[in-house]
Amino acid sequence: MSRGLGTIQQKVLLLLLGGLALGLSGSPNRYFKILKMIGREWKEIDKHALKRAIQKLYYSRLVQATANKDGSTTLTLSENGKRRALTFKLGEMEIPKPNSWDKKWRVVIFDIPESRKGVRSSLRYQLCRLGFYKLQKSVFIHPYPCSDEVDFIIELYHVRPYVRQLVVEALDNELHLKKIFQLI
């Protein structure tokens, strides 16, 4: 997701995108899977925070609001919102390399329960595929800004409560990491 969007705004976009996915899905099994995911996300959203998030999305032109004759309002993703929500294709996602390194390390740490072992393995795989270096079993590091990409994966796998992202300025093994990432 894009920088500047809050967690609830991101969820609203994902929910709207889920509605789009329902329309495009041809399988009844997928319908139920998508509806279950949408229901879980919807229950977690605070109503006042939701109203503020929708207003911000409307003003940022990511959603379009249409007033109905019965007094209700219909929200739809705008073209810009669709592009923003569909920015990443998981298999093709890459972390862009900036012209110069800002001398900060991005650290992703997680503690995903054993009951979700498959998701934990998938997260490790995706982080490695994106070029992260494994410091420990559940600690990965990368030198370039990547919060959008990591946020996308976290939301995709529904593991936000178990994952933390840190930006670190110094490490005791920094020279070793600079060699790995070819920063020297």
N, C-alpha and C. Protein backbone atom coordinates (compact mmCIF):
# COMPACT_ATOMS: atom_id res chain seq x y z
N MET A 1 0.83 -1.18 0.00
CA MET A 1 0.00 0.00 0.00
C MET A 1 0.87 1.24 0.00
N SER A 2 0.26 2.35 -0.26
CA SER A 2 1.02 3.58 -0.39
C SER A 2 1.32 4.19 0.96
N ARG A 3 2.42 4.91 1.02
CA ARG A 3 2.73 5.66 2.25
C ARG A 3 1.65 6.71 2.47
N GLY A 4 1.36 7.00 3.72
CA GLY A 4 0.37 8.02 4.02
C GLY A 4 -1.01 7.45 4.27
N LEU A 5 -1.27 6.21 3.87
CA LEU A 5 -2.55 5.59 4.15
C LEU A 5 -2.46 4.89 5.49
N GLY A 6 -3.46 5.14 6.34
CA GLY A 6 -3.49 4.47 7.63
C GLY A 6 -3.95 3.03 7.49
N THR A 7 -3.84 2.28 8.58
CA THR A 7 -4.21 0.87 8.57
C THR A 7 -5.67 0.70 8.19
N ILE A 8 -6.55 1.53 8.75
CA ILE A 8 -7.98 1.38 8.46
C ILE A 8 -8.26 1.75 7.01
N GLN A 9 -7.59 2.79 6.49
CA GLN A 9 -7.78 3.14 5.08
C GLN A 9 -7.33 1.98 4.19
N GLN A 10 -6.22 1.35 4.53
CA GLN A 10 -5.74 0.21 3.77
C GLN A 10 -6.77 -0.91 3.82
N LYS A 11 -7.36 -1.15 4.99
CA LYS A 11 -8.37 -2.20 5.12
C LYS A 11 -9.61 -1.88 4.30
N VAL A 12 -10.02 -0.61 4.29
CA VAL A 12 -11.18 -0.22 3.49
C VAL A 12 -10.90 -0.49 2.02
N LEU A 13 -9.72 -0.13 1.56
CA LEU A 13 -9.36 -0.41 0.17
C LEU A 13 -9.36 -1.91 -0.09
N LEU A 14 -8.83 -2.69 0.85
CA LEU A 14 -8.82 -4.14 0.68
C LEU A 14 -10.25 -4.70 0.66
N LEU A 15 -11.13 -4.16 1.50
CA LEU A 15 -12.51 -4.61 1.50
C LEU A 15 -13.20 -4.29 0.18
N LEU A 16 -12.97 -3.08 -0.33
CA LEU A 16 -13.54 -2.72 -1.62
C LEU A 16 -12.97 -3.60 -2.73
N LEU A 17 -11.69 -3.87 -2.64
CA LEU A 17 -11.05 -4.75 -3.60
C LEU A 17 -11.62 -6.17 -3.48
N GLY A 18 -11.95 -6.59 -2.25
CA GLY A 18 -12.59 -7.89 -2.03
C GLY A 18 -13.92 -7.95 -2.76
N GLY A 19 -14.66 -6.86 -2.72
CA GLY A 19 -15.93 -6.80 -3.47
C GLY A 19 -15.70 -6.94 -4.96
N LEU A 20 -14.65 -6.29 -5.44
CA LEU A 20 -14.28 -6.42 -6.85
C LEU A 20 -13.90 -7.87 -7.16
N ALA A 21 -13.15 -8.49 -6.25
CA ALA A 21 -12.74 -9.88 -6.44
C ALA A 21 -13.95 -10.80 -6.49
N LEU A 22 -14.97 -10.53 -5.66
CA LEU A 22 -16.18 -11.33 -5.69
C LEU A 22 -16.83 -11.26 -7.07
N GLY A 23 -16.85 -10.06 -7.62
CA GLY A 23 -17.46 -9.88 -8.94
C GLY A 23 -16.70 -10.60 -10.04
N LEU A 24 -15.40 -10.71 -9.89
CA LEU A 24 -14.58 -11.33 -10.93
C LEU A 24 -14.37 -12.82 -10.72
N SER A 25 -14.63 -13.30 -9.51
CA SER A 25 -14.40 -14.71 -9.18
C SER A 25 -15.49 -15.57 -9.80
N GLY A 26 -15.11 -16.67 -10.38
CA GLY A 26 -16.10 -17.55 -10.99
C GLY A 26 -16.39 -18.78 -10.15
N SER A 27 -15.73 -18.94 -9.02
CA SER A 27 -15.86 -20.15 -8.22
C SER A 27 -16.62 -19.89 -6.93
N PRO A 28 -17.64 -20.68 -6.63
CA PRO A 28 -18.36 -20.52 -5.35
C PRO A 28 -17.45 -20.70 -4.14
N ASN A 29 -16.45 -21.58 -4.24
CA ASN A 29 -15.51 -21.75 -3.12
C ASN A 29 -14.78 -20.45 -2.84
N ARG A 30 -14.39 -19.75 -3.87
CA ARG A 30 -13.70 -18.46 -3.69
C ARG A 30 -14.64 -17.42 -3.09
N TYR A 31 -15.93 -17.44 -3.49
CA TYR A 31 -16.90 -16.50 -2.92
C TYR A 31 -16.87 -16.57 -1.41
N PHE A 32 -17.00 -17.81 -0.88
CA PHE A 32 -17.08 -17.98 0.56
C PHE A 32 -15.77 -17.60 1.25
N LYS A 33 -14.65 -17.90 0.63
CA LYS A 33 -13.35 -17.54 1.19
C LYS A 33 -13.20 -16.01 1.27
N ILE A 34 -13.58 -15.33 0.19
CA ILE A 34 -13.50 -13.87 0.15
C ILE A 34 -14.46 -13.25 1.16
N LEU A 35 -15.70 -13.76 1.21
CA LEU A 35 -16.68 -13.23 2.16
C LEU A 35 -16.24 -13.43 3.61
N LYS A 36 -15.64 -14.56 3.90
CA LYS A 36 -15.15 -14.83 5.25
C LYS A 36 -14.06 -13.82 5.63
N MET A 37 -13.13 -13.57 4.70
CA MET A 37 -12.05 -12.61 4.94
C MET A 37 -12.61 -11.20 5.13
N ILE A 38 -13.56 -10.83 4.29
CA ILE A 38 -14.16 -9.49 4.39
C ILE A 38 -14.87 -9.34 5.74
N GLY A 39 -15.62 -10.36 6.16
CA GLY A 39 -16.32 -10.31 7.44
C GLY A 39 -15.38 -10.14 8.62
N ARG A 40 -14.27 -10.88 8.59
CA ARG A 40 -13.28 -10.78 9.69
C ARG A 40 -12.70 -9.37 9.76
N GLU A 41 -12.31 -8.83 8.61
CA GLU A 41 -11.72 -7.50 8.59
C GLU A 41 -12.73 -6.44 9.04
N TRP A 42 -13.98 -6.58 8.59
CA TRP A 42 -15.01 -5.58 8.90
C TRP A 42 -15.26 -5.49 10.40
N LYS A 43 -15.28 -6.63 11.10
CA LYS A 43 -15.53 -6.64 12.54
C LYS A 43 -14.46 -5.91 13.33
N GLU A 44 -13.25 -5.84 12.79
CA GLU A 44 -12.13 -5.23 13.51
C GLU A 44 -12.07 -3.70 13.37
N ILE A 45 -12.89 -3.13 12.51
CA ILE A 45 -12.81 -1.69 12.24
C ILE A 45 -13.73 -0.92 13.18
N ASP A 46 -13.18 0.07 13.86
CA ASP A 46 -13.92 0.98 14.74
C ASP A 46 -14.78 1.90 13.85
N LYS A 47 -16.06 2.12 14.21
CA LYS A 47 -16.98 2.88 13.35
C LYS A 47 -16.54 4.34 13.13
N HIS A 48 -16.07 5.00 14.18
CA HIS A 48 -15.63 6.40 14.02
C HIS A 48 -14.36 6.47 13.18
N ALA A 49 -13.46 5.57 13.45
CA ALA A 49 -12.22 5.53 12.66
C ALA A 49 -12.55 5.20 11.21
N LEU A 50 -13.54 4.34 11.00
CA LEU A 50 -13.96 4.00 9.64
C LEU A 50 -14.48 5.23 8.90
N LYS A 51 -15.31 6.00 9.57
CA LYS A 51 -15.88 7.21 8.94
C LYS A 51 -14.77 8.19 8.55
N ARG A 52 -13.81 8.39 9.46
CA ARG A 52 -12.68 9.29 9.15
C ARG A 52 -11.85 8.74 8.00
N ALA A 53 -11.62 7.42 8.01
CA ALA A 53 -10.81 6.81 6.95
C ALA A 53 -11.49 6.94 5.59
N ILE A 54 -12.80 6.74 5.55
CA ILE A 54 -13.54 6.86 4.28
C ILE A 54 -13.48 8.30 3.78
N GLN A 55 -13.62 9.28 4.70
CA GLN A 55 -13.52 10.68 4.29
C GLN A 55 -12.15 10.98 3.69
N LYS A 56 -11.10 10.47 4.32
CA LYS A 56 -9.75 10.69 3.80
C LYS A 56 -9.57 10.01 2.44
N LEU A 57 -10.11 8.81 2.30
CA LEU A 57 -10.01 8.13 1.01
C LEU A 57 -10.78 8.89 -0.07
N TYR A 58 -11.92 9.44 0.30
CA TYR A 58 -12.72 10.22 -0.65
C TYR A 58 -11.95 11.47 -1.08
N TYR A 59 -11.37 12.18 -0.10
CA TYR A 59 -10.62 13.40 -0.43
C TYR A 59 -9.33 13.09 -1.21
N SER A 60 -8.78 11.92 -1.00
CA SER A 60 -7.57 11.55 -1.74
C SER A 60 -7.92 10.95 -3.11
N ARG A 61 -9.23 10.89 -3.42
CA ARG A 61 -9.75 10.41 -4.70
C ARG A 61 -9.46 8.94 -4.96
N LEU A 62 -9.36 8.15 -3.88
CA LEU A 62 -9.16 6.72 -4.03
C LEU A 62 -10.50 5.98 -4.09
N VAL A 63 -11.55 6.61 -3.56
CA VAL A 63 -12.90 6.05 -3.66
C VAL A 63 -13.83 7.14 -4.18
N GLN A 64 -14.95 6.67 -4.76
CA GLN A 64 -15.98 7.59 -5.23
C GLN A 64 -17.24 7.32 -4.42
N ALA A 65 -17.87 8.38 -3.98
CA ALA A 65 -19.11 8.23 -3.21
C ALA A 65 -20.28 8.67 -4.08
N THR A 66 -21.33 7.84 -4.09
CA THR A 66 -22.53 8.15 -4.85
C THR A 66 -23.71 8.12 -3.90
N ALA A 67 -24.46 9.23 -3.86
CA ALA A 67 -25.64 9.30 -3.00
C ALA A 67 -26.80 8.58 -3.69
N ASN A 68 -27.45 7.69 -2.95
CA ASN A 68 -28.60 6.94 -3.48
C ASN A 68 -29.90 7.62 -3.10
N LYS A 69 -30.98 7.33 -3.81
CA LYS A 69 -32.29 7.96 -3.56
C LYS A 69 -32.83 7.62 -2.17
N ASP A 70 -32.45 6.45 -1.65
CA ASP A 70 -32.96 6.05 -0.34
C ASP A 70 -32.17 6.65 0.82
N GLY A 71 -31.21 7.54 0.53
CA GLY A 71 -30.42 8.20 1.57
C GLY A 71 -29.11 7.49 1.88
N SER A 72 -28.91 6.31 1.36
CA SER A 72 -27.64 5.61 1.59
C SER A 72 -26.58 6.11 0.62
N THR A 73 -25.35 5.76 0.89
CA THR A 73 -24.23 6.15 0.04
C THR A 73 -23.50 4.89 -0.41
N THR A 74 -23.17 4.86 -1.70
CA THR A 74 -22.43 3.73 -2.26
C THR A 74 -21.00 4.18 -2.51
N LEU A 75 -20.04 3.41 -1.97
CA LEU A 75 -18.63 3.68 -2.21
C LEU A 75 -18.10 2.69 -3.24
N THR A 76 -17.34 3.21 -4.19
CA THR A 76 -16.68 2.36 -5.17
C THR A 76 -15.24 2.81 -5.30
N LEU A 77 -14.38 1.88 -5.68
CA LEU A 77 -12.98 2.25 -5.92
C LEU A 77 -12.90 3.11 -7.17
N SER A 78 -12.17 4.21 -7.08
CA SER A 78 -11.90 5.00 -8.27
C SER A 78 -10.82 4.30 -9.07
N GLU A 79 -10.54 4.76 -10.27
CA GLU A 79 -9.46 4.16 -11.06
C GLU A 79 -8.14 4.27 -10.31
N ASN A 80 -7.91 5.43 -9.67
CA ASN A 80 -6.68 5.62 -8.89
C ASN A 80 -6.64 4.65 -7.71
N GLY A 81 -7.78 4.44 -7.07
CA GLY A 81 -7.86 3.49 -5.95
C GLY A 81 -7.60 2.07 -6.38
N LYS A 82 -8.12 1.69 -7.56
CA LYS A 82 -7.86 0.35 -8.09
C LYS A 82 -6.38 0.16 -8.35
N ARG A 83 -5.77 1.17 -8.95
CA ARG A 83 -4.32 1.07 -9.22
C ARG A 83 -3.56 0.96 -7.91
N ARG A 84 -3.93 1.75 -6.90
CA ARG A 84 -3.25 1.73 -5.61
C ARG A 84 -3.43 0.39 -4.92
N ALA A 85 -4.66 -0.16 -4.97
CA ALA A 85 -4.95 -1.42 -4.29
C ALA A 85 -4.32 -2.61 -5.02
N LEU A 86 -4.17 -2.50 -6.32
CA LEU A 86 -3.62 -3.60 -7.11
C LEU A 86 -2.17 -3.37 -7.49
N THR A 87 -1.47 -2.55 -6.75
CA THR A 87 -0.11 -2.17 -7.09
C THR A 87 0.82 -3.36 -7.19
N PHE A 88 0.68 -4.33 -6.32
CA PHE A 88 1.64 -5.41 -6.25
C PHE A 88 1.08 -6.71 -6.79
N LYS A 89 1.89 -7.41 -7.55
CA LYS A 89 1.64 -8.80 -7.90
C LYS A 89 2.68 -9.56 -7.10
N LEU A 90 2.25 -10.38 -6.19
CA LEU A 90 3.15 -11.01 -5.23
C LEU A 90 4.35 -11.67 -5.89
N GLY A 91 4.14 -12.44 -6.93
CA GLY A 91 5.24 -13.15 -7.58
C GLY A 91 6.22 -12.24 -8.31
N GLU A 92 5.79 -11.03 -8.66
CA GLU A 92 6.63 -10.11 -9.42
C GLU A 92 7.14 -8.94 -8.57
N MET A 93 6.71 -8.89 -7.32
CA MET A 93 7.06 -7.76 -6.46
C MET A 93 8.57 -7.70 -6.21
N GLU A 94 9.12 -6.50 -6.29
CA GLU A 94 10.53 -6.26 -6.00
C GLU A 94 10.65 -5.01 -5.16
N ILE A 95 11.72 -4.94 -4.40
CA ILE A 95 12.01 -3.73 -3.63
C ILE A 95 12.90 -2.84 -4.50
N PRO A 96 12.42 -1.64 -4.82
CA PRO A 96 13.24 -0.77 -5.67
C PRO A 96 14.52 -0.32 -4.98
N LYS A 97 15.60 -0.28 -5.74
CA LYS A 97 16.88 0.15 -5.20
C LYS A 97 17.04 1.65 -5.50
N PRO A 98 17.12 2.48 -4.45
CA PRO A 98 17.28 3.92 -4.68
C PRO A 98 18.69 4.24 -5.20
N ASN A 99 18.85 5.45 -5.70
CA ASN A 99 20.16 5.87 -6.22
C ASN A 99 21.23 5.85 -5.15
N SER A 100 20.87 6.23 -3.93
CA SER A 100 21.85 6.21 -2.85
C SER A 100 21.21 5.61 -1.60
N TRP A 101 22.02 4.90 -0.83
CA TRP A 101 21.55 4.25 0.39
C TRP A 101 21.45 5.28 1.51
N ASP A 102 20.38 5.28 2.28
CA ASP A 102 20.17 6.24 3.37
C ASP A 102 20.83 5.81 4.68
N LYS A 103 21.63 4.74 4.63
CA LYS A 103 22.39 4.22 5.79
C LYS A 103 21.47 3.75 6.93
N LYS A 104 20.27 3.27 6.57
CA LYS A 104 19.35 2.72 7.55
C LYS A 104 18.99 1.30 7.13
N TRP A 105 18.79 0.47 8.12
CA TRP A 105 18.43 -0.92 7.90
C TRP A 105 16.97 -1.13 8.22
N ARG A 106 16.28 -1.90 7.40
CA ARG A 106 14.88 -2.25 7.64
C ARG A 106 14.86 -3.67 8.18
N VAL A 107 14.34 -3.82 9.39
CA VAL A 107 14.33 -5.11 10.06
C VAL A 107 12.87 -5.55 10.22
N VAL A 108 12.60 -6.78 9.83
CA VAL A 108 11.27 -7.38 10.01
C VAL A 108 11.44 -8.52 11.00
N ILE A 109 10.68 -8.44 12.08
CA ILE A 109 10.71 -9.52 13.09
C ILE A 109 9.29 -10.06 13.24
N PHE A 110 9.19 -11.35 13.51
CA PHE A 110 7.86 -11.92 13.67
C PHE A 110 7.88 -13.09 14.62
N ASP A 111 6.72 -13.33 15.21
CA ASP A 111 6.51 -14.46 16.11
C ASP A 111 5.11 -15.00 15.81
N ILE A 112 5.03 -15.78 14.75
CA ILE A 112 3.75 -16.32 14.29
C ILE A 112 3.52 -17.66 14.98
N PRO A 113 2.32 -17.87 15.54
CA PRO A 113 2.05 -19.10 16.29
C PRO A 113 2.27 -20.37 15.48
N GLU A 114 2.56 -21.44 16.18
CA GLU A 114 2.80 -22.74 15.57
C GLU A 114 1.57 -23.21 14.77
N SER A 115 0.40 -22.80 15.20
CA SER A 115 -0.83 -23.20 14.49
C SER A 115 -0.90 -22.61 13.09
N ARG A 116 -0.08 -21.60 12.82
CA ARG A 116 -0.05 -20.96 11.50
C ARG A 116 1.31 -21.17 10.84
N LYS A 117 1.87 -22.35 11.04
CA LYS A 117 3.21 -22.69 10.56
C LYS A 117 3.36 -22.49 9.06
N GLY A 118 2.35 -22.83 8.29
CA GLY A 118 2.41 -22.67 6.84
C GLY A 118 2.54 -21.21 6.43
N VAL A 119 1.79 -20.35 7.11
CA VAL A 119 1.86 -18.91 6.82
C VAL A 119 3.25 -18.38 7.20
N ARG A 120 3.76 -18.85 8.32
CA ARG A 120 5.10 -18.44 8.77
C ARG A 120 6.15 -18.80 7.71
N SER A 121 6.06 -20.00 7.18
CA SER A 121 7.00 -20.44 6.14
C SER A 121 6.84 -19.60 4.87
N SER A 122 5.60 -19.29 4.52
CA SER A 122 5.35 -18.46 3.34
C SER A 122 5.92 -17.06 3.51
N LEU A 123 5.77 -16.50 4.71
CA LEU A 123 6.32 -15.18 4.97
C LEU A 123 7.84 -15.20 4.84
N ARG A 124 8.48 -16.21 5.41
CA ARG A 124 9.95 -16.35 5.28
C ARG A 124 10.35 -16.44 3.81
N TYR A 125 9.63 -17.25 3.06
CA TYR A 125 9.93 -17.41 1.64
C TYR A 125 9.82 -16.07 0.91
N GLN A 126 8.73 -15.34 1.14
CA GLN A 126 8.53 -14.06 0.45
C GLN A 126 9.61 -13.05 0.81
N LEU A 127 9.99 -13.00 2.08
CA LEU A 127 11.05 -12.06 2.49
C LEU A 127 12.37 -12.42 1.82
N CYS A 128 12.70 -13.69 1.77
CA CYS A 128 13.93 -14.12 1.08
C CYS A 128 13.86 -13.80 -0.40
N ARG A 129 12.71 -14.04 -1.02
CA ARG A 129 12.53 -13.77 -2.43
C ARG A 129 12.71 -12.28 -2.74
N LEU A 130 12.33 -11.43 -1.79
CA LEU A 130 12.47 -9.99 -1.98
C LEU A 130 13.90 -9.50 -1.72
N GLY A 131 14.78 -10.38 -1.29
CA GLY A 131 16.17 -9.99 -1.09
C GLY A 131 16.55 -9.70 0.35
N PHE A 132 15.67 -10.02 1.29
CA PHE A 132 16.01 -9.85 2.70
C PHE A 132 17.08 -10.86 3.08
N TYR A 133 17.90 -10.50 4.04
CA TYR A 133 18.90 -11.40 4.60
C TYR A 133 18.37 -11.90 5.94
N LYS A 134 18.49 -13.21 6.16
CA LYS A 134 17.99 -13.82 7.39
C LYS A 134 19.05 -13.69 8.49
N LEU A 135 18.77 -12.82 9.47
CA LEU A 135 19.66 -12.66 10.62
C LEU A 135 19.46 -13.80 11.62
N GLN A 136 18.21 -14.15 11.85
CA GLN A 136 17.83 -15.25 12.71
C GLN A 136 16.59 -15.90 12.09
N LYS A 137 16.08 -16.93 12.70
CA LYS A 137 14.97 -17.67 12.12
C LYS A 137 13.76 -16.78 11.81
N SER A 138 13.49 -15.81 12.66
CA SER A 138 12.34 -14.92 12.48
C SER A 138 12.74 -13.45 12.46
N VAL A 139 13.96 -13.17 12.01
CA VAL A 139 14.46 -11.80 11.93
C VAL A 139 15.13 -11.63 10.58
N PHE A 140 14.60 -10.71 9.76
CA PHE A 140 15.13 -10.47 8.43
C PHE A 140 15.49 -9.00 8.27
N ILE A 141 16.47 -8.71 7.41
CA ILE A 141 16.97 -7.35 7.27
C ILE A 141 17.15 -7.00 5.79
N HIS A 142 16.93 -5.72 5.48
CA HIS A 142 17.11 -5.20 4.12
C HIS A 142 17.57 -3.75 4.22
N PRO A 143 18.43 -3.29 3.30
CA PRO A 143 18.94 -1.92 3.42
C PRO A 143 18.05 -0.83 2.82
N TYR A 144 17.06 -1.18 2.04
CA TYR A 144 16.30 -0.15 1.33
C TYR A 144 14.86 -0.06 1.83
N PRO A 145 14.21 1.10 1.66
CA PRO A 145 12.82 1.26 2.09
C PRO A 145 11.93 0.19 1.46
N CYS A 146 11.14 -0.46 2.30
CA CYS A 146 10.32 -1.58 1.81
C CYS A 146 9.05 -1.76 2.62
N SER A 147 8.61 -0.74 3.35
CA SER A 147 7.44 -0.91 4.22
C SER A 147 6.18 -1.20 3.41
N ASP A 148 6.04 -0.62 2.22
CA ASP A 148 4.85 -0.89 1.41
C ASP A 148 4.78 -2.36 1.03
N GLU A 149 5.91 -2.89 0.57
CA GLU A 149 5.95 -4.28 0.16
C GLU A 149 5.70 -5.22 1.34
N VAL A 150 6.32 -4.94 2.47
CA VAL A 150 6.13 -5.77 3.66
C VAL A 150 4.69 -5.67 4.16
N ASP A 151 4.13 -4.45 4.16
CA ASP A 151 2.74 -4.27 4.57
C ASP A 151 1.79 -5.09 3.68
N PHE A 152 2.06 -5.08 2.39
CA PHE A 152 1.22 -5.84 1.46
C PHE A 152 1.24 -7.33 1.83
N ILE A 153 2.42 -7.88 2.07
CA ILE A 153 2.55 -9.30 2.41
C ILE A 153 1.88 -9.59 3.76
N ILE A 154 2.08 -8.71 4.74
CA ILE A 154 1.48 -8.88 6.07
C ILE A 154 -0.05 -8.93 5.95
N GLU A 155 -0.63 -8.02 5.17
CA GLU A 155 -2.08 -7.99 4.99
C GLU A 155 -2.56 -9.20 4.22
N LEU A 156 -1.80 -9.59 3.21
CA LEU A 156 -2.17 -10.75 2.40
C LEU A 156 -2.27 -12.01 3.25
N TYR A 157 -1.31 -12.20 4.15
CA TYR A 157 -1.28 -13.39 5.00
C TYR A 157 -2.03 -13.21 6.32
N HIS A 158 -2.59 -12.04 6.58
CA HIS A 158 -3.34 -11.76 7.81
C HIS A 158 -2.49 -12.03 9.06
N VAL A 159 -1.29 -11.46 9.11
CA VAL A 159 -0.39 -11.69 10.25
C VAL A 159 0.05 -10.39 10.92
N ARG A 160 -0.69 -9.31 10.73
CA ARG A 160 -0.31 -8.02 11.30
C ARG A 160 -0.01 -8.09 12.80
N PRO A 161 -0.79 -8.81 13.62
CA PRO A 161 -0.50 -8.83 15.06
C PRO A 161 0.84 -9.47 15.42
N TYR A 162 1.41 -10.25 14.52
CA TYR A 162 2.61 -11.02 14.84
C TYR A 162 3.89 -10.46 14.23
N VAL A 163 3.78 -9.40 13.43
CA VAL A 163 4.94 -8.90 12.68
C VAL A 163 5.23 -7.45 13.05
N ARG A 164 6.51 -7.14 13.24
CA ARG A 164 6.95 -5.77 13.52
C ARG A 164 8.01 -5.38 12.50
N GLN A 165 7.99 -4.09 12.14
CA GLN A 165 9.00 -3.54 11.25
C GLN A 165 9.79 -2.48 12.01
N LEU A 166 11.09 -2.53 11.89
CA LEU A 166 11.97 -1.57 12.56
C LEU A 166 12.86 -0.90 11.53
N VAL A 167 13.21 0.35 11.79
CA VAL A 167 14.23 1.03 11.01
C VAL A 167 15.39 1.28 11.96
N VAL A 168 16.56 0.74 11.62
CA VAL A 168 17.71 0.73 12.51
C VAL A 168 18.86 1.50 11.87
N GLU A 169 19.56 2.29 12.67
CA GLU A 169 20.66 3.08 12.14
C GLU A 169 22.03 2.42 12.30
N ALA A 170 22.18 1.52 13.25
CA ALA A 170 23.48 0.88 13.47
C ALA A 170 23.30 -0.55 13.93
N LEU A 171 24.21 -1.42 13.49
CA LEU A 171 24.22 -2.83 13.89
C LEU A 171 25.64 -3.25 14.19
N ASP A 172 25.82 -4.22 15.06
CA ASP A 172 27.17 -4.66 15.39
C ASP A 172 27.83 -5.42 14.25
N ASN A 173 27.05 -6.00 13.35
CA ASN A 173 27.63 -6.73 12.21
C ASN A 173 27.38 -5.99 10.88
N GLU A 174 27.37 -4.68 10.96
CA GLU A 174 27.04 -3.86 9.80
C GLU A 174 28.00 -4.06 8.63
N LEU A 175 29.28 -4.21 8.91
CA LEU A 175 30.27 -4.40 7.85
C LEU A 175 29.95 -5.69 7.07
N HIS A 176 29.63 -6.75 7.78
CA HIS A 176 29.25 -8.01 7.15
C HIS A 176 28.02 -7.83 6.25
N LEU A 177 27.00 -7.12 6.76
CA LEU A 177 25.78 -6.89 6.00
C LEU A 177 26.03 -6.01 4.77
N LYS A 178 26.89 -5.02 4.92
CA LYS A 178 27.23 -4.16 3.78
C LYS A 178 27.86 -4.99 2.65
N LYS A 179 28.69 -5.97 3.02
CA LYS A 179 29.28 -6.84 2.01
C LYS A 179 28.22 -7.70 1.33
N ILE A 180 27.31 -8.24 2.11
CA ILE A 180 26.24 -9.08 1.56
C ILE A 180 25.39 -8.30 0.56
N PHE A 181 25.05 -7.07 0.92
CA PHE A 181 24.20 -6.24 0.07
C PHE A 181 24.99 -5.39 -0.92
N GLN A 182 26.30 -5.62 -0.99
CA GLN A 182 27.21 -4.92 -1.90
C GLN A 182 27.09 -3.40 -1.76
N LEU A 183 27.13 -2.95 -0.51
CA LEU A 183 27.05 -1.52 -0.23
C LEU A 183 28.44 -0.91 -0.03
N ILE A 184 29.49 -1.74 -0.10
CA ILE A 184 30.86 -1.23 -0.01
C ILE A 184 31.68 -1.77 -1.17
